[in-house]
Amino acid sequence: MMEKALEKLAEQILSFDEASLVHLREKYRLRIEHFDGTKEWEKAVIIFCIINAMTMKNTLFNENVLKSKRGKGPSKGYPGLKRVK
């Protein structure tokens, strides 16, 4: 049930325009800097992370498209992430 809900949420987020999301990033960055422990603060953190996840997804996508066009194959990971064992 939870997995299906997350998949549906991901589908909705993928339909959003990255440029519009990035425009909102500063608003939510500023909001989360002012911790007050409310539900609104918690939602702002989640929204900020979603915006960053979309940016990361697009970066990975574009990186892999470029590599495949150069014949280097898909990327082995996101530059800012380290594999946890």
PDB file of N, CA and C in Angstrom:
ATOM      1  N   MET A   1       0.827  -1.201   0.000  1.00  0.00           N
ATOM      2  CA  MET A   1       0.000   0.000   0.000  1.00  0.00           C
ATOM      3  C   MET A   1       0.866   1.257   0.000  1.00  0.00           C
ATOM      4  N   MET A   2       1.864   1.294   0.908  1.00  0.00           N
ATOM      5  CA  MET A   2       2.729   2.463   0.982  1.00  0.00           C
ATOM      6  C   MET A   2       3.531   2.629  -0.305  1.00  0.00           C
ATOM      7  N   GLU A   3       4.015   1.514  -0.846  1.00  0.00           N
ATOM      8  CA  GLU A   3       4.798   1.581  -2.080  1.00  0.00           C
ATOM      9  C   GLU A   3       3.959   2.126  -3.231  1.00  0.00           C
ATOM     10  N   LYS A   4       2.732   1.692  -3.324  1.00  0.00           N
ATOM     11  CA  LYS A   4       1.834   2.183  -4.380  1.00  0.00           C
ATOM     12  C   LYS A   4       1.576   3.682  -4.224  1.00  0.00           C
ATOM     13  N   ALA A   5       1.404   4.126  -2.992  1.00  0.00           N
ATOM     14  CA  ALA A   5       1.183   5.557  -2.741  1.00  0.00           C
ATOM     15  C   ALA A   5       2.418   6.360  -3.148  1.00  0.00           C
ATOM     16  N   LEU A   6       3.609   5.840  -2.840  1.00  0.00           N
ATOM     17  CA  LEU A   6       4.849   6.527  -3.222  1.00  0.00           C
ATOM     18  C   LEU A   6       5.021   6.559  -4.737  1.00  0.00           C
ATOM     19  N   GLU A   7       4.664   5.464  -5.394  1.00  0.00           N
ATOM     20  CA  GLU A   7       4.742   5.438  -6.854  1.00  0.00           C
ATOM     21  C   GLU A   7       3.801   6.464  -7.477  1.00  0.00           C
ATOM     22  N   LYS A   8       2.606   6.570  -6.935  1.00  0.00           N
ATOM     23  CA  LYS A   8       1.637   7.554  -7.437  1.00  0.00           C
ATOM     24  C   LYS A   8       2.154   8.977  -7.206  1.00  0.00           C
ATOM     25  N   LEU A   9       2.720   9.207  -6.043  1.00  0.00           N
ATOM     26  CA  LEU A   9       3.306  10.512  -5.727  1.00  0.00           C
ATOM     27  C   LEU A   9       4.441  10.835  -6.697  1.00  0.00           C
ATOM     28  N   ALA A  10       5.294   9.843  -6.975  1.00  0.00           N
ATOM     29  CA  ALA A  10       6.401  10.052  -7.917  1.00  0.00           C
ATOM     30  C   ALA A  10       5.874  10.412  -9.299  1.00  0.00           C
ATOM     31  N   GLU A  11       4.813   9.743  -9.734  1.00  0.00           N
ATOM     32  CA  GLU A  11       4.212  10.060 -11.039  1.00  0.00           C
ATOM     33  C   GLU A  11       3.737  11.514 -11.079  1.00  0.00           C
ATOM     34  N   GLN A  12       3.105  11.951  -9.997  1.00  0.00           N
ATOM     35  CA  GLN A  12       2.623  13.334  -9.942  1.00  0.00           C
ATOM     36  C   GLN A  12       3.789  14.313  -9.987  1.00  0.00           C
ATOM     37  N   ILE A  13       4.829  14.032  -9.233  1.00  0.00           N
ATOM     38  CA  ILE A  13       5.985  14.924  -9.177  1.00  0.00           C
ATOM     39  C   ILE A  13       6.681  14.984 -10.530  1.00  0.00           C
ATOM     40  N   LEU A  14       6.770  13.850 -11.209  1.00  0.00           N
ATOM     41  CA  LEU A  14       7.405  13.830 -12.530  1.00  0.00           C
ATOM     42  C   LEU A  14       6.654  14.682 -13.544  1.00  0.00           C
ATOM     43  N   SER A  15       5.396  14.943 -13.303  1.00  0.00           N
ATOM     44  CA  SER A  15       4.624  15.778 -14.231  1.00  0.00           C
ATOM     45  C   SER A  15       4.874  17.272 -14.010  1.00  0.00           C
ATOM     46  N   PHE A  16       5.547  17.621 -12.918  1.00  0.00           N
ATOM     47  CA  PHE A  16       5.833  19.024 -12.633  1.00  0.00           C
ATOM     48  C   PHE A  16       6.997  19.514 -13.479  1.00  0.00           C
ATOM     49  N   ASP A  17       6.973  20.777 -13.789  1.00  0.00           N
ATOM     50  CA  ASP A  17       8.046  21.425 -14.537  1.00  0.00           C
ATOM     51  C   ASP A  17       9.187  21.769 -13.575  1.00  0.00           C
ATOM     52  N   GLU A  18      10.398  21.298 -13.906  1.00  0.00           N
ATOM     53  CA  GLU A  18      11.539  21.542 -13.016  1.00  0.00           C
ATOM     54  C   GLU A  18      11.782  23.033 -12.802  1.00  0.00           C
ATOM     55  N   ALA A  19      11.654  23.830 -13.843  1.00  0.00           N
ATOM     56  CA  ALA A  19      11.901  25.271 -13.717  1.00  0.00           C
ATOM     57  C   ALA A  19      10.959  25.898 -12.694  1.00  0.00           C
ATOM     58  N   SER A  20       9.717  25.468 -12.699  1.00  0.00           N
ATOM     59  CA  SER A  20       8.760  25.996 -11.722  1.00  0.00           C
ATOM     60  C   SER A  20       9.121  25.549 -10.311  1.00  0.00           C
ATOM     61  N   LEU A  21       9.548  24.289 -10.177  1.00  0.00           N
ATOM     62  CA  LEU A  21       9.952  23.783  -8.863  1.00  0.00           C
ATOM     63  C   LEU A  21      11.176  24.532  -8.342  1.00  0.00           C
ATOM     64  N   VAL A  22      12.165  24.723  -9.213  1.00  0.00           N
ATOM     65  CA  VAL A  22      13.388  25.404  -8.800  1.00  0.00           C
ATOM     66  C   VAL A  22      13.080  26.827  -8.350  1.00  0.00           C
ATOM     67  N   HIS A  23      12.090  27.434  -8.979  1.00  0.00           N
ATOM     68  CA  HIS A  23      11.678  28.783  -8.597  1.00  0.00           C
ATOM     69  C   HIS A  23      11.209  28.822  -7.135  1.00  0.00           C
ATOM     70  N   LEU A  24      10.645  27.710  -6.663  1.00  0.00           N
ATOM     71  CA  LEU A  24      10.145  27.638  -5.286  1.00  0.00           C
ATOM     72  C   LEU A  24      11.225  27.242  -4.269  1.00  0.00           C
ATOM     73  N   ARG A  25      12.367  26.760  -4.750  1.00  0.00           N
ATOM     74  CA  ARG A  25      13.402  26.243  -3.847  1.00  0.00           C
ATOM     75  C   ARG A  25      13.807  27.261  -2.780  1.00  0.00           C
ATOM     76  N   GLU A  26      14.061  28.491  -3.172  1.00  0.00           N
ATOM     77  CA  GLU A  26      14.507  29.508  -2.213  1.00  0.00           C
ATOM     78  C   GLU A  26      13.462  29.754  -1.133  1.00  0.00           C
ATOM     79  N   LYS A  27      12.205  29.793  -1.530  1.00  0.00           N
ATOM     80  CA  LYS A  27      11.123  29.992  -0.564  1.00  0.00           C
ATOM     81  C   LYS A  27      11.175  28.929   0.531  1.00  0.00           C
ATOM     82  N   TYR A  28      11.308  27.669   0.122  1.00  0.00           N
ATOM     83  CA  TYR A  28      11.302  26.591   1.100  1.00  0.00           C
ATOM     84  C   TYR A  28      12.629  26.480   1.847  1.00  0.00           C
ATOM     85  N   ARG A  29      13.728  26.862   1.204  1.00  0.00           N
ATOM     86  CA  ARG A  29      15.010  26.890   1.900  1.00  0.00           C
ATOM     87  C   ARG A  29      14.949  27.890   3.056  1.00  0.00           C
ATOM     88  N   LEU A  30      14.413  29.051   2.776  1.00  0.00           N
ATOM     89  CA  LEU A  30      14.282  30.066   3.825  1.00  0.00           C
ATOM     90  C   LEU A  30      13.344  29.607   4.930  1.00  0.00           C
ATOM     91  N   ARG A  31      12.263  28.939   4.555  1.00  0.00           N
ATOM     92  CA  ARG A  31      11.297  28.468   5.553  1.00  0.00           C
ATOM     93  C   ARG A  31      11.922  27.454   6.501  1.00  0.00           C
ATOM     94  N   ILE A  32      12.696  26.507   5.970  1.00  0.00           N
ATOM     95  CA  ILE A  32      13.248  25.463   6.837  1.00  0.00           C
ATOM     96  C   ILE A  32      14.397  25.969   7.708  1.00  0.00           C
ATOM     97  N   GLU A  33      14.961  27.112   7.353  1.00  0.00           N
ATOM     98  CA  GLU A  33      16.003  27.709   8.203  1.00  0.00           C
ATOM     99  C   GLU A  33      15.442  28.208   9.523  1.00  0.00           C
ATOM    100  N   HIS A  34      14.142  28.444   9.569  1.00  0.00           N
ATOM    101  CA  HIS A  34      13.501  28.979  10.770  1.00  0.00           C
ATOM    102  C   HIS A  34      12.677  27.891  11.447  1.00  0.00           C
ATOM    103  N   PHE A  35      13.371  27.002  12.133  1.00  0.00           N
ATOM    104  CA  PHE A  35      12.722  25.866  12.781  1.00  0.00           C
ATOM    105  C   PHE A  35      11.720  26.332  13.828  1.00  0.00           C
ATOM    106  N   ASP A  36      10.522  25.752  13.740  1.00  0.00           N
ATOM    107  CA  ASP A  36       9.532  26.019  14.781  1.00  0.00           C
ATOM    108  C   ASP A  36       8.800  24.743  15.206  1.00  0.00           C
ATOM    109  N   GLY A  37       9.183  23.609  14.603  1.00  0.00           N
ATOM    110  CA  GLY A  37       8.628  22.336  15.017  1.00  0.00           C
ATOM    111  C   GLY A  37       7.190  22.079  14.624  1.00  0.00           C
ATOM    112  N   THR A  38       6.631  22.917  13.770  1.00  0.00           N
ATOM    113  CA  THR A  38       5.235  22.751  13.356  1.00  0.00           C
ATOM    114  C   THR A  38       5.128  21.784  12.175  1.00  0.00           C
ATOM    115  N   LYS A  39       3.900  21.338  11.910  1.00  0.00           N
ATOM    116  CA  LYS A  39       3.637  20.502  10.741  1.00  0.00           C
ATOM    117  C   LYS A  39       4.008  21.246   9.456  1.00  0.00           C
ATOM    118  N   GLU A  40       3.786  22.564   9.444  1.00  0.00           N
ATOM    119  CA  GLU A  40       4.112  23.359   8.260  1.00  0.00           C
ATOM    120  C   GLU A  40       5.611  23.344   7.999  1.00  0.00           C
ATOM    121  N   TRP A  41       6.412  23.404   9.061  1.00  0.00           N
ATOM    122  CA  TRP A  41       7.871  23.330   8.914  1.00  0.00           C
ATOM    123  C   TRP A  41       8.254  21.957   8.352  1.00  0.00           C
ATOM    124  N   GLU A  42       7.656  20.894   8.893  1.00  0.00           N
ATOM    125  CA  GLU A  42       7.944  19.540   8.417  1.00  0.00           C
ATOM    126  C   GLU A  42       7.586  19.391   6.940  1.00  0.00           C
ATOM    127  N   LYS A  43       6.438  19.926   6.539  1.00  0.00           N
ATOM    128  CA  LYS A  43       6.040  19.876   5.136  1.00  0.00           C
ATOM    129  C   LYS A  43       7.025  20.648   4.259  1.00  0.00           C
ATOM    130  N   ALA A  44       7.491  21.779   4.750  1.00  0.00           N
ATOM    131  CA  ALA A  44       8.453  22.579   3.993  1.00  0.00           C
ATOM    132  C   ALA A  44       9.744  21.798   3.751  1.00  0.00           C
ATOM    133  N   VAL A  45      10.181  21.039   4.747  1.00  0.00           N
ATOM    134  CA  VAL A  45      11.387  20.217   4.581  1.00  0.00           C
ATOM    135  C   VAL A  45      11.159  19.175   3.488  1.00  0.00           C
ATOM    136  N   ILE A  46      10.012  18.514   3.514  1.00  0.00           N
ATOM    137  CA  ILE A  46       9.699  17.501   2.506  1.00  0.00           C
ATOM    138  C   ILE A  46       9.624  18.129   1.114  1.00  0.00           C
ATOM    139  N   ILE A  47       8.979  19.266   1.009  1.00  0.00           N
ATOM    140  CA  ILE A  47       8.872  19.959  -0.285  1.00  0.00           C
ATOM    141  C   ILE A  47      10.250  20.342  -0.803  1.00  0.00           C
ATOM    142  N   PHE A  48      11.087  20.873   0.065  1.00  0.00           N
ATOM    143  CA  PHE A  48      12.447  21.252  -0.324  1.00  0.00           C
ATOM    144  C   PHE A  48      13.207  20.033  -0.849  1.00  0.00           C
ATOM    145  N   CYS A  49      13.068  18.909  -0.166  1.00  0.00           N
ATOM    146  CA  CYS A  49      13.746  17.675  -0.590  1.00  0.00           C
ATOM    147  C   CYS A  49      13.193  17.161  -1.916  1.00  0.00           C
ATOM    148  N   ILE A  50      11.907  17.271  -2.118  1.00  0.00           N
ATOM    149  CA  ILE A  50      11.301  16.852  -3.386  1.00  0.00           C
ATOM    150  C   ILE A  50      11.852  17.692  -4.531  1.00  0.00           C
ATOM    151  N   ILE A  51      11.944  18.994  -4.329  1.00  0.00           N
ATOM    152  CA  ILE A  51      12.491  19.879  -5.362  1.00  0.00           C
ATOM    153  C   ILE A  51      13.920  19.461  -5.689  1.00  0.00           C
ATOM    154  N   ASN A  52      14.721  19.206  -4.664  1.00  0.00           N
ATOM    155  CA  ASN A  52      16.100  18.790  -4.891  1.00  0.00           C
ATOM    156  C   ASN A  52      16.177  17.416  -5.537  1.00  0.00           C
ATOM    157  N   ALA A  53      15.249  16.532  -5.205  1.00  0.00           N
ATOM    158  CA  ALA A  53      15.230  15.201  -5.824  1.00  0.00           C
ATOM    159  C   ALA A  53      14.947  15.317  -7.323  1.00  0.00           C
ATOM    160  N   MET A  54      14.049  16.202  -7.689  1.00  0.00           N
ATOM    161  CA  MET A  54      13.738  16.395  -9.105  1.00  0.00           C
ATOM    162  C   MET A  54      14.959  16.930  -9.854  1.00  0.00           C
ATOM    163  N   THR A  55      15.658  17.859  -9.244  1.00  0.00           N
ATOM    164  CA  THR A  55      16.871  18.398  -9.850  1.00  0.00           C
ATOM    165  C   THR A  55      17.924  17.304 -10.001  1.00  0.00           C
ATOM    166  N   MET A  56      18.090  16.493  -8.977  1.00  0.00           N
ATOM    167  CA  MET A  56      19.059  15.402  -9.026  1.00  0.00           C
ATOM    168  C   MET A  56      18.678  14.400 -10.113  1.00  0.00           C
ATOM    169  N   LYS A  57      17.398  14.056 -10.198  1.00  0.00           N
ATOM    170  CA  LYS A  57      16.937  13.120 -11.231  1.00  0.00           C
ATOM    171  C   LYS A  57      17.256  13.659 -12.614  1.00  0.00           C
ATOM    172  N   ASN A  58      17.000  14.931 -12.851  1.00  0.00           N
ATOM    173  CA  ASN A  58      17.263  15.517 -14.162  1.00  0.00           C
ATOM    174  C   ASN A  58      18.754  15.575 -14.457  1.00  0.00           C
ATOM    175  N   THR A  59      19.567  15.846 -13.444  1.00  0.00           N
ATOM    176  CA  THR A  59      21.017  15.847 -13.626  1.00  0.00           C
ATOM    177  C   THR A  59      21.501  14.459 -14.025  1.00  0.00           C
ATOM    178  N   LEU A  60      21.046  13.440 -13.310  1.00  0.00           N
ATOM    179  CA  LEU A  60      21.420  12.060 -13.635  1.00  0.00           C
ATOM    180  C   LEU A  60      20.952  11.676 -15.034  1.00  0.00           C
ATOM    181  N   PHE A  61      19.745  12.035 -15.359  1.00  0.00           N
ATOM    182  CA  PHE A  61      19.185  11.724 -16.673  1.00  0.00           C
ATOM    183  C   PHE A  61      20.037  12.346 -17.772  1.00  0.00           C
ATOM    184  N   ASN A  62      20.301  13.649 -17.634  1.00  0.00           N
ATOM    185  CA  ASN A  62      21.072  14.352 -18.657  1.00  0.00           C
ATOM    186  C   ASN A  62      22.493  13.814 -18.758  1.00  0.00           C
ATOM    187  N   GLU A  63      23.099  13.510 -17.632  1.00  0.00           N
ATOM    188  CA  GLU A  63      24.451  12.948 -17.617  1.00  0.00           C
ATOM    189  C   GLU A  63      24.487  11.619 -18.364  1.00  0.00           C
ATOM    190  N   ASN A  64      23.503  10.771 -18.122  1.00  0.00           N
ATOM    191  CA  ASN A  64      23.462   9.469 -18.786  1.00  0.00           C
ATOM    192  C   ASN A  64      23.166   9.586 -20.273  1.00  0.00           C
ATOM    193  N   VAL A  65      22.321  10.525 -20.660  1.00  0.00           N
ATOM    194  CA  VAL A  65      22.048  10.744 -22.079  1.00  0.00           C
ATOM    195  C   VAL A  65      23.323  11.175 -22.783  1.00  0.00           C
ATOM    196  N   LEU A  66      24.054  12.108 -22.186  1.00  0.00           N
ATOM    197  CA  LEU A  66      25.314  12.566 -22.788  1.00  0.00           C
ATOM    198  C   LEU A  66      26.327  11.437 -22.893  1.00  0.00           C
ATOM    199  N   LYS A  67      26.466  10.644 -21.857  1.00  0.00           N
ATOM    200  CA  LYS A  67      27.414   9.533 -21.883  1.00  0.00           C
ATOM    201  C   LYS A  67      27.038   8.496 -22.926  1.00  0.00           C
ATOM    202  N   SER A  68      25.749   8.218 -23.048  1.00  0.00           N
ATOM    203  CA  SER A  68      25.343   7.215 -24.034  1.00  0.00           C
ATOM    204  C   SER A  68      25.575   7.732 -25.454  1.00  0.00           C
ATOM    205  N   LYS A  69      25.427   9.040 -25.646  1.00  0.00           N
ATOM    206  CA  LYS A  69      25.689   9.619 -26.972  1.00  0.00           C
ATOM    207  C   LYS A  69      27.176   9.563 -27.313  1.00  0.00           C
ATOM    208  N   ARG A  70      28.012   9.614 -26.279  1.00  0.00           N
ATOM    209  CA  ARG A  70      29.464   9.536 -26.486  1.00  0.00           C
ATOM    210  C   ARG A  70      29.951   8.087 -26.510  1.00  0.00           C
ATOM    211  N   GLY A  71      29.033   7.153 -26.273  1.00  0.00           N
ATOM    212  CA  GLY A  71      29.397   5.743 -26.285  1.00  0.00           C
ATOM    213  C   GLY A  71      30.053   5.246 -25.018  1.00  0.00           C
ATOM    214  N   LYS A  72      29.862   5.968 -23.912  1.00  0.00           N
ATOM    215  CA  LYS A  72      30.493   5.580 -22.651  1.00  0.00           C
ATOM    216  C   LYS A  72      29.572   4.768 -21.761  1.00  0.00           C
ATOM    217  N   GLY A  73      28.328   4.586 -22.157  1.00  0.00           N
ATOM    218  CA  GLY A  73      27.393   3.814 -21.339  1.00  0.00           C
ATOM    219  C   GLY A  73      26.830   4.639 -20.209  1.00  0.00           C
ATOM    220  N   PRO A  74      25.958   4.025 -19.419  1.00  0.00           N
ATOM    221  CA  PRO A  74      25.293   4.746 -18.318  1.00  0.00           C
ATOM    222  C   PRO A  74      26.233   5.069 -17.176  1.00  0.00           C
ATOM    223  N   SER A  75      25.859   6.093 -16.431  1.00  0.00           N
ATOM    224  CA  SER A  75      26.618   6.508 -15.255  1.00  0.00           C
ATOM    225  C   SER A  75      26.531   5.450 -14.164  1.00  0.00           C
ATOM    226  N   LYS A  76      27.545   5.405 -13.329  1.00  0.00           N
ATOM    227  CA  LYS A  76      27.558   4.470 -12.203  1.00  0.00           C
ATOM    228  C   LYS A  76      27.057   5.125 -10.924  1.00  0.00           C
ATOM    229  N   GLY A  77      26.607   6.346 -10.979  1.00  0.00           N
ATOM    230  CA  GLY A  77      26.062   6.976  -9.782  1.00  0.00           C
ATOM    231  C   GLY A  77      26.062   8.485  -9.877  1.00  0.00           C
ATOM    232  N   TYR A  78      25.498   9.097  -8.886  1.00  0.00           N
ATOM    233  CA  TYR A  78      25.417  10.545  -8.799  1.00  0.00           C
ATOM    234  C   TYR A  78      26.688  11.050  -8.122  1.00  0.00           C
ATOM    235  N   PRO A  79      27.346  12.092  -8.661  1.00  0.00           N
ATOM    236  CA  PRO A  79      28.630  12.531  -8.116  1.00  0.00           C
ATOM    237  C   PRO A  79      28.616  12.855  -6.616  1.00  0.00           C
ATOM    238  N   GLY A  80      27.482  13.322  -6.089  1.00  0.00           N
ATOM    239  CA  GLY A  80      27.431  13.696  -4.691  1.00  0.00           C
ATOM    240  C   GLY A  80      27.081  12.557  -3.753  1.00  0.00           C
ATOM    241  N   LEU A  81      26.860  11.368  -4.292  1.00  0.00           N
ATOM    242  CA  LEU A  81      26.445  10.246  -3.451  1.00  0.00           C
ATOM    243  C   LEU A  81      27.542   9.193  -3.366  1.00  0.00           C
ATOM    244  N   LYS A  82      27.663   8.596  -2.207  1.00  0.00           N
ATOM    245  CA  LYS A  82      28.596   7.491  -2.037  1.00  0.00           C
ATOM    246  C   LYS A  82      27.798   6.242  -1.713  1.00  0.00           C
ATOM    247  N   ARG A  83      28.233   5.147  -2.246  1.00  0.00           N
ATOM    248  CA  ARG A  83      27.525   3.884  -2.009  1.00  0.00           C
ATOM    249  C   ARG A  83      27.749   3.423  -0.577  1.00  0.00           C
ATOM    250  N   VAL A  84      26.680   3.040   0.085  1.00  0.00           N
ATOM    251  CA  VAL A  84      26.751   2.540   1.453  1.00  0.00           C
ATOM    252  C   VAL A  84      26.759   1.024   1.418  1.00  0.00           C
ATOM    253  N   LYS A  85      27.695   0.430   2.150  1.00  0.00           N
ATOM    254  CA  LYS A  85      27.793  -1.036   2.174  1.00  0.00           C
ATOM    255  C   LYS A  85      27.137  -1.602   3.394  1.00  0.00           C
TER     256      LYS A  85
END
